[in-house]
Protein backbone atom coordinates (compact mmCIF):
# COMPACT_ATOMS: atom_id res chain seq x y z
CA MET A 1 12.73 4.98 -23.59
CA THR A 2 16.03 3.15 -23.46
CA PRO A 3 16.07 -0.64 -23.51
CA THR A 4 17.46 -2.30 -20.43
CA THR A 5 19.75 -5.29 -20.45
CA ASP A 6 18.13 -6.62 -17.25
CA VAL A 7 15.03 -7.91 -19.05
CA PRO A 8 15.38 -11.65 -19.67
CA VAL A 9 14.95 -13.13 -23.13
CA PRO A 10 11.48 -14.66 -23.34
CA GLY A 11 11.23 -18.43 -23.38
CA GLU A 12 8.75 -20.55 -25.26
CA GLY A 13 6.80 -21.35 -22.11
CA PRO A 14 5.12 -24.62 -21.20
CA TRP A 15 1.73 -23.98 -22.82
CA THR A 16 2.08 -25.88 -26.07
CA LEU A 17 -0.79 -27.97 -27.37
CA GLU A 18 1.44 -31.02 -27.04
CA VAL A 19 1.72 -30.40 -23.29
CA LEU A 20 -1.88 -29.25 -22.72
CA GLY A 21 -3.64 -31.89 -24.82
CA GLU A 22 -7.34 -31.52 -25.59
CA PRO A 23 -9.12 -28.54 -24.01
CA ALA A 24 -11.41 -29.28 -21.09
CA ALA A 25 -13.86 -26.77 -22.59
CA ALA A 26 -14.08 -25.27 -26.07
CA LEU A 27 -16.80 -23.03 -27.42
CA ILE A 28 -17.69 -20.45 -30.02
CA VAL A 29 -19.64 -17.35 -29.05
CA PHE A 30 -21.36 -15.25 -31.69
CA GLY A 31 -22.00 -11.56 -31.11
CA GLU A 32 -20.04 -8.36 -30.70
CA ALA A 33 -17.60 -8.64 -27.81
CA ALA A 34 -17.93 -5.82 -25.31
CA PRO A 35 -15.54 -4.50 -22.67
CA GLN A 36 -16.17 -4.52 -18.96
CA GLY A 37 -14.52 -2.21 -16.51
CA SER A 38 -15.17 1.34 -17.59
CA LYS A 39 -17.94 2.79 -15.49
CA ARG A 40 -19.56 6.19 -15.31
CA HIS A 41 -21.16 8.00 -12.42
CA VAL A 42 -24.92 8.54 -12.74
CA GLY A 43 -25.53 10.34 -9.46
CA GLY A 44 -26.34 9.33 -5.92
CA GLY A 45 -23.13 7.30 -5.72
CA ARG A 46 -24.34 4.94 -8.45
CA MET A 47 -22.09 3.70 -11.24
CA ILE A 48 -23.10 1.93 -14.45
CA GLU A 49 -21.13 0.22 -17.20
CA SER A 50 -20.10 2.65 -19.93
CA SER A 51 -20.80 0.12 -22.67
CA LYS A 52 -24.41 -0.89 -23.22
CA LYS A 53 -23.07 -3.91 -25.11
CA VAL A 54 -21.63 -5.60 -21.98
CA ALA A 55 -24.87 -7.26 -20.83
CA PRO A 56 -25.72 -8.78 -24.25
CA TRP A 57 -22.12 -10.02 -24.68
CA ARG A 58 -21.98 -11.59 -21.23
CA LYS A 59 -25.36 -13.23 -21.88
CA ALA A 60 -24.14 -14.66 -25.21
CA VAL A 61 -20.99 -16.05 -23.55
CA TYR A 62 -22.97 -17.51 -20.65
CA GLU A 63 -25.53 -19.12 -22.98
CA ALA A 64 -22.83 -20.65 -25.22
CA ALA A 65 -21.01 -22.03 -22.16
CA ARG A 66 -24.25 -23.34 -20.64
CA ALA A 67 -25.21 -25.04 -23.92
CA GLN A 68 -21.82 -26.76 -24.00
CA SER A 69 -22.17 -27.98 -20.41
CA ILE A 70 -25.70 -29.29 -21.10
CA ASP A 71 -24.44 -31.07 -24.24
CA TRP A 72 -21.61 -32.61 -22.20
CA CYS A 73 -24.13 -33.86 -19.62
CA ASP A 74 -26.41 -35.23 -22.38
CA GLN A 75 -23.46 -37.35 -23.51
CA GLY A 76 -23.47 -39.04 -20.11
CA HIS A 77 -20.75 -36.97 -18.45
CA VAL A 78 -21.00 -34.98 -15.25
CA TRP A 79 -20.11 -31.32 -15.71
CA ASP A 80 -18.73 -29.40 -12.79
CA PRO A 81 -17.09 -26.02 -13.27
CA LEU A 82 -13.33 -26.45 -13.70
CA ASP A 83 -11.27 -25.80 -10.61
CA GLY A 84 -7.52 -25.55 -10.04
CA PRO A 85 -4.98 -23.84 -12.30
CA LEU A 86 -6.28 -23.19 -15.82
CA VAL A 87 -4.89 -21.97 -19.14
CA ALA A 88 -7.16 -20.21 -21.65
CA ASP A 89 -7.38 -19.02 -25.24
CA PHE A 90 -9.64 -16.08 -26.10
CA VAL A 91 -9.54 -15.03 -29.76
CA PHE A 92 -12.03 -12.24 -30.41
CA THR A 93 -13.26 -11.59 -33.94
CA MET A 94 -14.15 -7.93 -34.28
CA PRO A 95 -16.20 -6.23 -37.02
CA LYS A 96 -14.12 -4.73 -39.82
CA GLY A 97 -15.06 -1.46 -41.47
CA SER A 98 -15.21 -1.38 -45.26
CA THR A 99 -12.51 1.30 -45.44
CA LEU A 100 -9.81 -0.86 -43.83
CA PRO A 101 -7.39 -2.62 -46.19
CA LYS A 102 -7.79 -6.39 -46.65
CA TRP A 103 -4.32 -7.08 -45.24
CA ARG A 104 -5.27 -5.59 -41.87
CA ASP A 105 -5.75 -8.55 -39.49
CA TRP A 106 -5.11 -7.23 -35.97
CA HIS A 107 -7.74 -5.07 -34.34
CA ASP A 108 -5.80 -2.23 -32.70
CA LYS A 109 -8.68 0.05 -31.77
CA VAL A 110 -11.02 0.26 -28.79
CA PRO A 111 -12.21 -1.75 -26.96
CA ASP A 112 -9.21 -2.72 -24.84
CA LEU A 113 -8.28 -6.39 -25.03
CA SER A 114 -7.95 -6.69 -21.25
CA LYS A 115 -11.48 -5.34 -20.78
CA LEU A 116 -12.86 -7.80 -23.35
CA ALA A 117 -11.14 -10.60 -21.44
CA ARG A 118 -12.62 -9.33 -18.16
CA SER A 119 -16.22 -9.36 -19.40
CA THR A 120 -15.75 -12.80 -20.94
CA GLU A 121 -14.05 -14.25 -17.83
CA ASP A 122 -16.88 -13.05 -15.61
CA ALA A 123 -19.51 -14.57 -17.92
CA LEU A 124 -17.76 -17.97 -17.77
CA THR A 125 -17.59 -17.98 -13.96
CA GLY A 126 -19.80 -20.62 -12.39
CA VAL A 127 -20.37 -22.40 -15.70
CA VAL A 128 -16.99 -23.21 -17.27
CA TRP A 129 -14.82 -22.49 -14.24
CA ALA A 130 -15.44 -22.08 -10.54
CA ASP A 131 -13.78 -18.66 -10.46
CA ASP A 132 -11.95 -16.59 -13.06
CA ALA A 133 -9.07 -16.28 -10.59
CA ARG A 134 -8.23 -19.89 -11.56
CA VAL A 135 -6.90 -18.69 -14.93
CA THR A 136 -3.14 -18.67 -14.46
CA ALA A 137 -2.12 -18.05 -18.07
CA TYR A 138 -3.39 -17.23 -21.52
CA ARG A 139 -1.97 -19.24 -24.38
CA ARG A 140 -3.62 -16.82 -26.80
CA LEU A 141 -5.38 -13.56 -26.08
CA GLU A 142 -6.02 -11.64 -29.31
CA LYS A 143 -8.35 -9.34 -31.21
CA ARG A 144 -8.64 -10.05 -34.94
CA TYR A 145 -10.80 -8.61 -37.69
CA VAL A 146 -13.45 -10.59 -39.55
CA GLY A 147 -11.78 -11.88 -42.70
CA SER A 148 -8.43 -12.67 -41.11
CA ASP A 149 -6.86 -15.90 -42.32
CA ASP A 150 -6.19 -17.03 -38.73
CA PRO A 151 -7.99 -20.36 -38.11
CA ASP A 152 -9.52 -19.01 -34.88
CA THR A 153 -11.07 -16.01 -36.63
CA LEU A 154 -14.80 -16.35 -37.20
CA PRO A 155 -16.65 -15.20 -40.33
CA VAL A 156 -18.75 -12.89 -38.12
CA PRO A 157 -18.04 -11.11 -34.81
CA GLY A 158 -17.65 -13.36 -31.78
CA ALA A 159 -14.97 -15.35 -29.98
CA VAL A 160 -13.30 -18.74 -29.93
CA ILE A 161 -12.69 -19.83 -26.34
CA ARG A 162 -10.67 -22.79 -25.12
CA VAL A 163 -9.82 -23.74 -21.55
CA TRP A 164 -7.35 -26.36 -20.33
CA THR A 165 -6.61 -27.61 -16.86
CA VAL A 166 -2.89 -27.43 -16.10
CA PRO A 167 -1.76 -31.04 -16.59
CA THR A 168 -1.08 -32.99 -13.40
CA PRO A 169 2.44 -34.02 -14.55
CA LEU A 170 3.42 -30.32 -14.71
CA ILE A 171 2.05 -29.69 -11.24
CA GLU A 172 3.77 -32.80 -9.85
CA ALA A 173 7.09 -31.94 -11.53
CA ARG A 174 6.97 -28.45 -10.04
CA ARG A 175 6.06 -29.82 -6.62
CA ALA A 176 8.95 -32.31 -6.78
CA SER A 177 11.47 -29.69 -7.93
CA VAL A 178 10.56 -27.36 -5.07
CA ARG A 179 10.58 -30.19 -2.53
CA HIS A 180 14.15 -31.16 -3.50
CA THR A 181 15.61 -27.69 -3.78
CA PRO A 182 17.55 -26.66 -0.67
CA ARG A 183 16.44 -23.36 0.81
CA SER A 184 18.99 -20.64 1.30
CA ASN A 185 18.77 -18.36 4.29
CA PRO A 186 18.98 -14.66 3.47
């Protein structure tokens, strides 16, 4: 594969903690993260999830999110699922086999990161956010091994999840910049 010069140099992006502020939701889920998306045919036109771990993982995510929303309500707040553009962090802590070297931090084996995100997004729908389609960006989406020195890595398998609403000033600035930009006719 030859590199192309047409690919732009990546920018830092707007999703710094300074811009986002405090997360609207933050939770820790314990358990082994499981992928969603791979299905197998079982006959009669029926399909089932390939991983038997999906249901327990989604239940653990749902219960952690529900507990956070109940705690929020117990503090006198009203909790409605987040709506509008959202930014999320998902840092999955995966089990580490005893034969792997201590320096190995990044989990580069199955399951696929995108499939872990999919199962987790679906479990958060209706509790943390109105719809997983509201997630417009990930600030962090990673798989790490237990024992990593990353501050978002747990001592046991699970995930650290944070969700921010896109700050109103960013939305307003974008709206204003588009409103004042003359359109060119093709």
